[in-house]
Amino acid sequence: MEYGSLLLRTVLIYFVVFLIMRLMGKREIGKMSVFDLVISFMIAEIAVLVIEDTKRPVIEGIVPMAVLMIIQVLIAYIGLKNRKLRLLFDGKPSVIIADGKLNQKEMKKQRYNLDDLMLQLRENQVARVADVEFAILETSGKLSVIPKESQSPSSGQSQQGQQGQQNQQSGQQQSGQQQSQQGSSSGGEQKQGKHGKQDKQDKQDKNNEQQDSSSSDITFPSAYRFETLPVPLIMDGRVMDHNLEKLEKNRLWLKQQLRKRGLTEWNQVFFCTIDHKGELFVDENRRKK
């Protein structure tokens, strides 16, 4: 008999909770704010108590759940017309990234760490913080990411058309210049002979500089696997030595990269990452020491 009453209570409470959640509306299901979570937890706790205690009348569980539903619906209805009340219960969204820069004060206020940020950026298919125009932490805990504007296909085609016209015009100008130069080349060859050696040396020097700069580009080991993207190198002023080892780099290399950006100490950097293209993102530490 007890098992039969327990079964009936379970089925009855299931339909009661289902009906209450439906009456609360889609807002309760789609947007779980702090207020919505409190209501949901309380309804779930009351339902469990009624099911477990077979000696307790079912009506003692249905009435509190109905009261909570009425409270939620009333506050939601009043919040439609009163923004202050809505902000009081739901809170305000927080801007975490603005123009590719981290808002460290807001992150500290919301106790929002860098690991959570990287996780939610990957969920939004964003690899680099620098590519984000705005990242807003909603009251539901979801991160809304607005990437920086990219060139549309139509604008790209128009730019290609403009470039084609410019190339045609430059080609015509070059052909005209070549014809004029051919007439005066016989007289200028003797003068250019003296400066030819110096020009060759200058070109060689430039080529050597370009080779040196290209050799200093960041390369990844062939066996390296991107477990996270981007790869964090510095987080909260602390160097991620294990990531440097995987990249076959050391602190000296990282120090040189930071010096190029005018940074000399680790604690001057709040967040530093490297993406699959080898580009570094550095966010300076703006906290008061």
Protein backbone atom coordinates (compact mmCIF):
# COMPACT_ATOMS: atom_id res chain seq x y z
CA MET A 1 0.00 0.00 0.00
CA GLU A 2 2.87 2.37 0.81
CA TYR A 3 4.47 1.71 -2.57
CA GLY A 4 1.19 2.44 -4.32
CA SER A 5 0.75 5.76 -2.51
CA LEU A 6 4.38 6.64 -3.20
CA LEU A 7 3.85 5.97 -6.90
CA LEU A 8 0.68 8.05 -6.99
CA ARG A 9 2.41 10.94 -5.15
CA THR A 10 5.31 10.86 -7.57
CA VAL A 11 3.07 10.96 -10.63
CA LEU A 12 0.86 13.67 -9.13
CA ILE A 13 3.78 15.91 -8.06
CA TYR A 14 5.39 15.43 -11.48
CA PHE A 15 2.34 16.82 -13.27
CA VAL A 16 1.97 19.61 -10.68
CA VAL A 17 5.59 20.74 -11.13
CA PHE A 18 5.27 20.43 -14.91
CA LEU A 19 2.14 22.59 -14.87
CA ILE A 20 3.77 25.20 -12.62
CA MET A 21 6.83 25.47 -14.84
CA ARG A 22 4.60 25.89 -17.88
CA LEU A 23 2.59 28.62 -16.20
CA MET A 24 5.76 30.46 -15.28
CA GLY A 25 6.43 30.89 -19.00
CA LYS A 26 9.36 30.41 -21.34
CA ARG A 27 11.37 33.02 -19.49
CA GLU A 28 11.88 30.62 -16.59
CA ILE A 29 13.21 27.93 -18.90
CA GLY A 30 15.25 30.01 -21.32
CA LYS A 31 16.73 32.55 -18.93
CA MET A 32 17.85 31.33 -15.53
CA SER A 33 18.64 34.38 -13.46
CA VAL A 34 19.40 34.29 -9.72
CA PHE A 35 15.76 34.88 -8.88
CA ASP A 36 14.63 32.11 -11.25
CA LEU A 37 17.15 29.68 -9.77
CA VAL A 38 15.91 30.36 -6.23
CA ILE A 39 12.30 29.72 -7.26
CA SER A 40 13.25 26.54 -9.13
CA PHE A 41 15.29 25.14 -6.24
CA MET A 42 12.55 25.83 -3.73
CA ILE A 43 9.90 24.15 -5.88
CA ALA A 44 12.13 21.12 -6.37
CA GLU A 45 12.84 20.87 -2.61
CA ILE A 46 9.15 21.08 -1.72
CA ALA A 47 8.33 18.40 -4.29
CA VAL A 48 10.92 16.04 -2.81
CA LEU A 49 9.62 16.54 0.73
CA VAL A 50 6.05 15.76 -0.30
CA ILE A 51 7.10 12.61 -2.16
CA GLU A 52 9.32 11.27 0.63
CA ASP A 53 6.94 11.90 3.54
CA THR A 54 3.91 9.76 2.72
CA LYS A 55 2.20 10.87 5.93
CA ARG A 56 2.23 14.51 4.84
CA PRO A 57 -0.86 15.60 2.87
CA VAL A 58 -0.13 16.36 -0.77
CA ILE A 59 -1.96 19.65 -0.50
CA GLU A 60 0.73 20.90 1.90
CA GLY A 61 3.21 20.69 -0.97
CA ILE A 62 0.98 21.95 -3.76
CA VAL A 63 0.00 25.16 -1.94
CA PRO A 64 3.61 26.40 -1.32
CA MET A 65 4.55 25.61 -4.91
CA ALA A 66 1.53 27.53 -6.19
CA VAL A 67 2.46 30.49 -3.96
CA LEU A 68 6.01 30.52 -5.38
CA MET A 69 4.60 30.44 -8.90
CA ILE A 70 2.36 33.42 -8.15
CA ILE A 71 5.30 35.36 -6.67
CA GLN A 72 7.42 34.68 -9.73
CA VAL A 73 4.69 35.66 -12.19
CA LEU A 74 3.85 38.86 -10.28
CA ILE A 75 7.47 39.99 -10.03
CA ALA A 76 8.02 39.23 -13.71
CA TYR A 77 4.90 41.21 -14.65
CA ILE A 78 5.87 44.18 -12.47
CA GLY A 79 9.40 44.02 -13.87
CA LEU A 80 8.02 44.61 -17.37
CA LYS A 81 6.95 48.10 -16.31
CA ASN A 82 9.53 48.88 -13.60
CA ARG A 83 13.15 48.72 -14.73
CA LYS A 84 14.54 49.37 -11.24
CA LEU A 85 12.79 46.31 -9.88
CA ARG A 86 13.95 44.30 -12.87
CA LEU A 87 17.56 45.30 -12.30
CA LEU A 88 17.20 44.56 -8.59
CA PHE A 89 16.19 40.95 -9.19
CA ASP A 90 18.01 40.19 -12.44
CA GLY A 91 21.09 42.40 -12.09
CA LYS A 92 23.04 44.20 -14.82
CA PRO A 93 25.15 42.73 -17.61
CA SER A 94 28.91 43.19 -17.23
CA VAL A 95 31.27 44.20 -20.03
CA ILE A 96 34.27 41.86 -19.81
CA ILE A 97 36.02 42.83 -23.07
CA ALA A 98 35.84 46.18 -24.82
CA ASP A 99 37.72 46.86 -28.07
CA GLY A 100 39.94 43.82 -27.59
CA LYS A 101 40.98 44.77 -24.03
CA LEU A 102 40.06 42.99 -20.82
CA ASN A 103 38.10 44.81 -18.14
CA GLN A 104 40.05 43.59 -15.13
CA LYS A 105 38.03 45.51 -12.55
CA GLU A 106 34.75 43.99 -13.73
CA MET A 107 36.30 40.52 -13.87
CA LYS A 108 37.46 40.87 -10.27
CA LYS A 109 34.07 42.23 -9.21
CA GLN A 110 32.22 39.30 -10.79
CA ARG A 111 34.90 36.79 -9.68
CA TYR A 112 35.24 35.80 -13.30
CA ASN A 113 38.61 34.16 -13.97
CA LEU A 114 40.62 33.80 -17.15
CA ASP A 115 39.92 30.08 -17.52
CA ASP A 116 36.18 30.74 -17.61
CA LEU A 117 36.74 33.50 -20.15
CA MET A 118 38.79 31.29 -22.47
CA LEU A 119 36.25 28.48 -22.16
CA GLN A 120 33.32 30.67 -23.16
CA LEU A 121 35.30 32.34 -25.95
CA ARG A 122 35.97 28.90 -27.44
CA GLU A 123 32.27 28.09 -27.14
CA ASN A 124 31.62 31.22 -29.23
CA GLN A 125 34.27 30.08 -31.75
CA VAL A 126 36.62 32.95 -30.94
CA ALA A 127 40.34 32.20 -30.80
CA ARG A 128 41.83 35.59 -29.95
CA VAL A 129 40.78 38.23 -27.45
CA ALA A 130 42.02 40.89 -29.84
CA ASP A 131 39.32 39.85 -32.35
CA VAL A 132 36.52 40.70 -29.90
CA GLU A 133 34.79 44.07 -30.07
CA PHE A 134 32.62 43.45 -27.00
CA ALA A 135 32.15 40.48 -24.68
CA ILE A 136 29.26 40.89 -22.24
CA LEU A 137 28.62 38.61 -19.29
CA GLU A 138 24.84 38.35 -19.12
CA THR A 139 22.83 38.01 -15.92
CA SER A 140 22.21 34.36 -16.79
CA GLY A 141 25.98 33.67 -16.76
CA LYS A 142 26.23 33.37 -20.53
CA LEU A 143 28.95 35.29 -22.36
CA SER A 144 27.71 37.21 -25.40
CA VAL A 145 30.56 37.86 -27.84
CA ILE A 146 30.43 40.54 -30.54
CA PRO A 147 33.41 40.11 -32.91
CA LYS A 148 35.06 42.99 -34.66
CA GLU A 149 33.58 43.91 -38.02
CA SER A 150 35.13 42.03 -40.94
CA GLN A 151 35.03 42.93 -44.58
CA SER A 152 31.89 41.74 -46.29
CA PRO A 153 32.09 39.87 -49.64
CA SER A 154 30.50 42.81 -51.48
CA SER A 155 33.03 45.23 -50.07
CA GLY A 156 35.79 42.80 -50.91
CA GLN A 157 34.61 42.57 -54.52
CA SER A 158 34.40 46.33 -54.80
CA GLN A 159 37.88 46.64 -53.36
CA GLN A 160 39.15 44.06 -55.84
CA GLY A 161 37.56 46.08 -58.67
CA GLN A 162 39.21 49.25 -57.41
CA GLN A 163 42.52 47.48 -57.10
CA GLY A 164 42.16 46.18 -60.67
CA GLN A 165 41.56 49.70 -61.98
CA GLN A 166 44.48 51.01 -59.96
CA ASN A 167 46.69 48.23 -61.33
CA GLN A 168 45.65 49.09 -64.90
CA GLN A 169 46.37 52.77 -64.34
CA SER A 170 49.71 52.01 -62.71
CA GLY A 171 50.54 49.64 -65.57
CA GLN A 172 49.88 52.37 -68.11
CA GLN A 173 51.97 54.83 -66.12
CA GLN A 174 54.81 52.35 -65.83
CA SER A 175 54.77 51.63 -69.57
CA GLY A 176 54.93 55.38 -70.27
CA GLN A 177 57.77 55.79 -67.82
CA GLN A 178 59.66 52.87 -69.34
CA GLN A 179 59.43 54.41 -72.78
CA SER A 180 60.73 57.73 -71.48
CA GLN A 181 63.46 55.99 -69.52
CA GLN A 182 64.61 54.03 -72.56
CA GLY A 183 65.31 57.32 -74.34
CA SER A 184 67.41 58.65 -71.47
CA SER A 185 68.98 55.35 -70.37
CA SER A 186 71.95 55.67 -72.73
CA GLY A 187 73.06 58.90 -71.06
CA GLY A 188 72.34 57.79 -67.51
CA GLU A 189 74.07 54.41 -67.58
CA GLN A 190 77.47 55.99 -66.99
CA LYS A 191 76.21 57.92 -63.95
CA GLN A 192 74.45 54.88 -62.52
CA GLY A 193 77.56 52.76 -62.85
CA LYS A 194 79.23 54.54 -59.95
CA HIS A 195 76.25 54.06 -57.65
CA GLY A 196 75.45 50.51 -58.77
CA LYS A 197 77.72 48.87 -56.22
CA GLN A 198 76.28 50.86 -53.35
CA ASP A 199 72.72 49.99 -54.41
CA LYS A 200 73.60 46.29 -54.51
CA GLN A 201 75.11 46.47 -51.06
CA ASP A 202 72.01 48.25 -49.72
CA LYS A 203 69.75 45.59 -51.23
CA GLN A 204 71.84 42.83 -49.71
CA ASP A 205 71.67 44.50 -46.31
CA LYS A 206 67.89 44.78 -46.58
CA ASN A 207 67.59 41.15 -47.61
CA ASN A 208 69.71 40.11 -44.64
CA GLU A 209 67.51 42.14 -42.30
CA GLN A 210 64.38 40.54 -43.76
CA GLN A 211 65.89 37.09 -43.32
CA ASP A 212 66.77 37.88 -39.72
CA SER A 213 63.25 39.13 -39.00
CA SER A 214 61.67 36.11 -40.70
CA SER A 215 63.91 33.75 -38.75
CA SER A 216 62.72 35.39 -35.53
CA ASP A 217 59.07 34.57 -36.34
CA ILE A 218 57.37 32.23 -33.89
CA THR A 219 57.25 28.63 -35.05
CA PHE A 220 55.63 25.65 -33.38
CA PRO A 221 57.16 22.21 -32.93
CA SER A 222 55.94 19.69 -35.50
CA ALA A 223 54.64 17.35 -32.78
CA TYR A 224 52.83 20.09 -30.83
CA ARG A 225 49.09 19.63 -30.29
CA PHE A 226 46.81 22.55 -29.52
CA GLU A 227 44.90 21.35 -26.47
CA THR A 228 43.59 24.86 -25.83
CA LEU A 229 43.34 27.79 -28.19
CA PRO A 230 44.78 30.30 -27.71
CA VAL A 231 47.67 28.93 -25.63
CA PRO A 232 48.08 30.90 -22.39
CA LEU A 233 51.64 31.97 -21.62
CA ILE A 234 50.99 34.35 -18.71
CA MET A 235 47.90 34.36 -16.49
CA ASP A 236 47.48 36.81 -13.61
CA GLY A 237 51.16 37.76 -13.86
CA ARG A 238 52.36 34.14 -13.60
CA VAL A 239 54.27 32.42 -16.37
CA MET A 240 52.85 29.14 -17.66
CA ASP A 241 56.15 27.26 -17.85
CA HIS A 242 54.56 23.98 -18.94
CA ASN A 243 53.10 25.65 -22.04
CA LEU A 244 56.46 27.21 -22.86
CA GLU A 245 58.09 23.79 -22.61
CA LYS A 246 55.54 22.32 -25.01
CA LEU A 247 56.29 25.13 -27.44
CA GLU A 248 60.04 24.48 -26.96
CA LYS A 249 60.46 28.03 -25.72
CA ASN A 250 61.79 29.48 -22.47
CA ARG A 251 61.34 32.52 -20.27
CA LEU A 252 64.17 34.33 -22.02
CA TRP A 253 62.30 34.15 -25.34
CA LEU A 254 59.10 35.33 -23.70
CA LYS A 255 60.98 38.17 -21.99
CA GLN A 256 62.30 39.32 -25.37
CA GLN A 257 58.81 39.32 -26.84
CA LEU A 258 57.50 41.41 -23.96
CA ARG A 259 60.37 43.89 -24.19
CA LYS A 260 59.35 44.60 -27.76
CA ARG A 261 56.09 45.86 -26.26
CA GLY A 262 57.79 47.93 -23.57
CA LEU A 263 57.20 45.45 -20.71
CA THR A 264 60.06 44.30 -18.51
CA GLU A 265 58.43 42.53 -15.55
CA TRP A 266 56.08 39.56 -15.37
CA ASN A 267 53.68 41.32 -13.01
CA GLN A 268 53.14 44.02 -15.64
CA VAL A 269 51.25 41.46 -17.73
CA PHE A 270 47.77 40.35 -16.75
CA PHE A 271 47.14 37.98 -19.65
CA CYS A 272 49.32 36.79 -22.53
CA THR A 273 48.42 34.19 -25.14
CA ILE A 274 49.69 32.90 -28.47
CA ASP A 275 47.42 31.66 -31.25
CA HIS A 276 47.92 29.07 -33.98
CA LYS A 277 49.33 31.75 -36.29
CA GLY A 278 52.08 32.58 -33.81
CA GLU A 279 50.65 35.99 -32.92
CA LEU A 280 50.92 37.16 -29.33
CA PHE A 281 48.14 38.90 -27.42
CA VAL A 282 49.29 40.88 -24.38
CA ASP A 283 46.99 42.59 -21.91
CA GLU A 284 48.81 44.80 -19.43
CA ASN A 285 48.06 44.65 -15.74
CA ARG A 286 46.09 47.77 -14.84
CA ARG A 287 45.38 46.86 -11.23
CA LYS A 288 46.57 49.18 -8.50
CA LYS A 289 49.59 47.76 -6.72
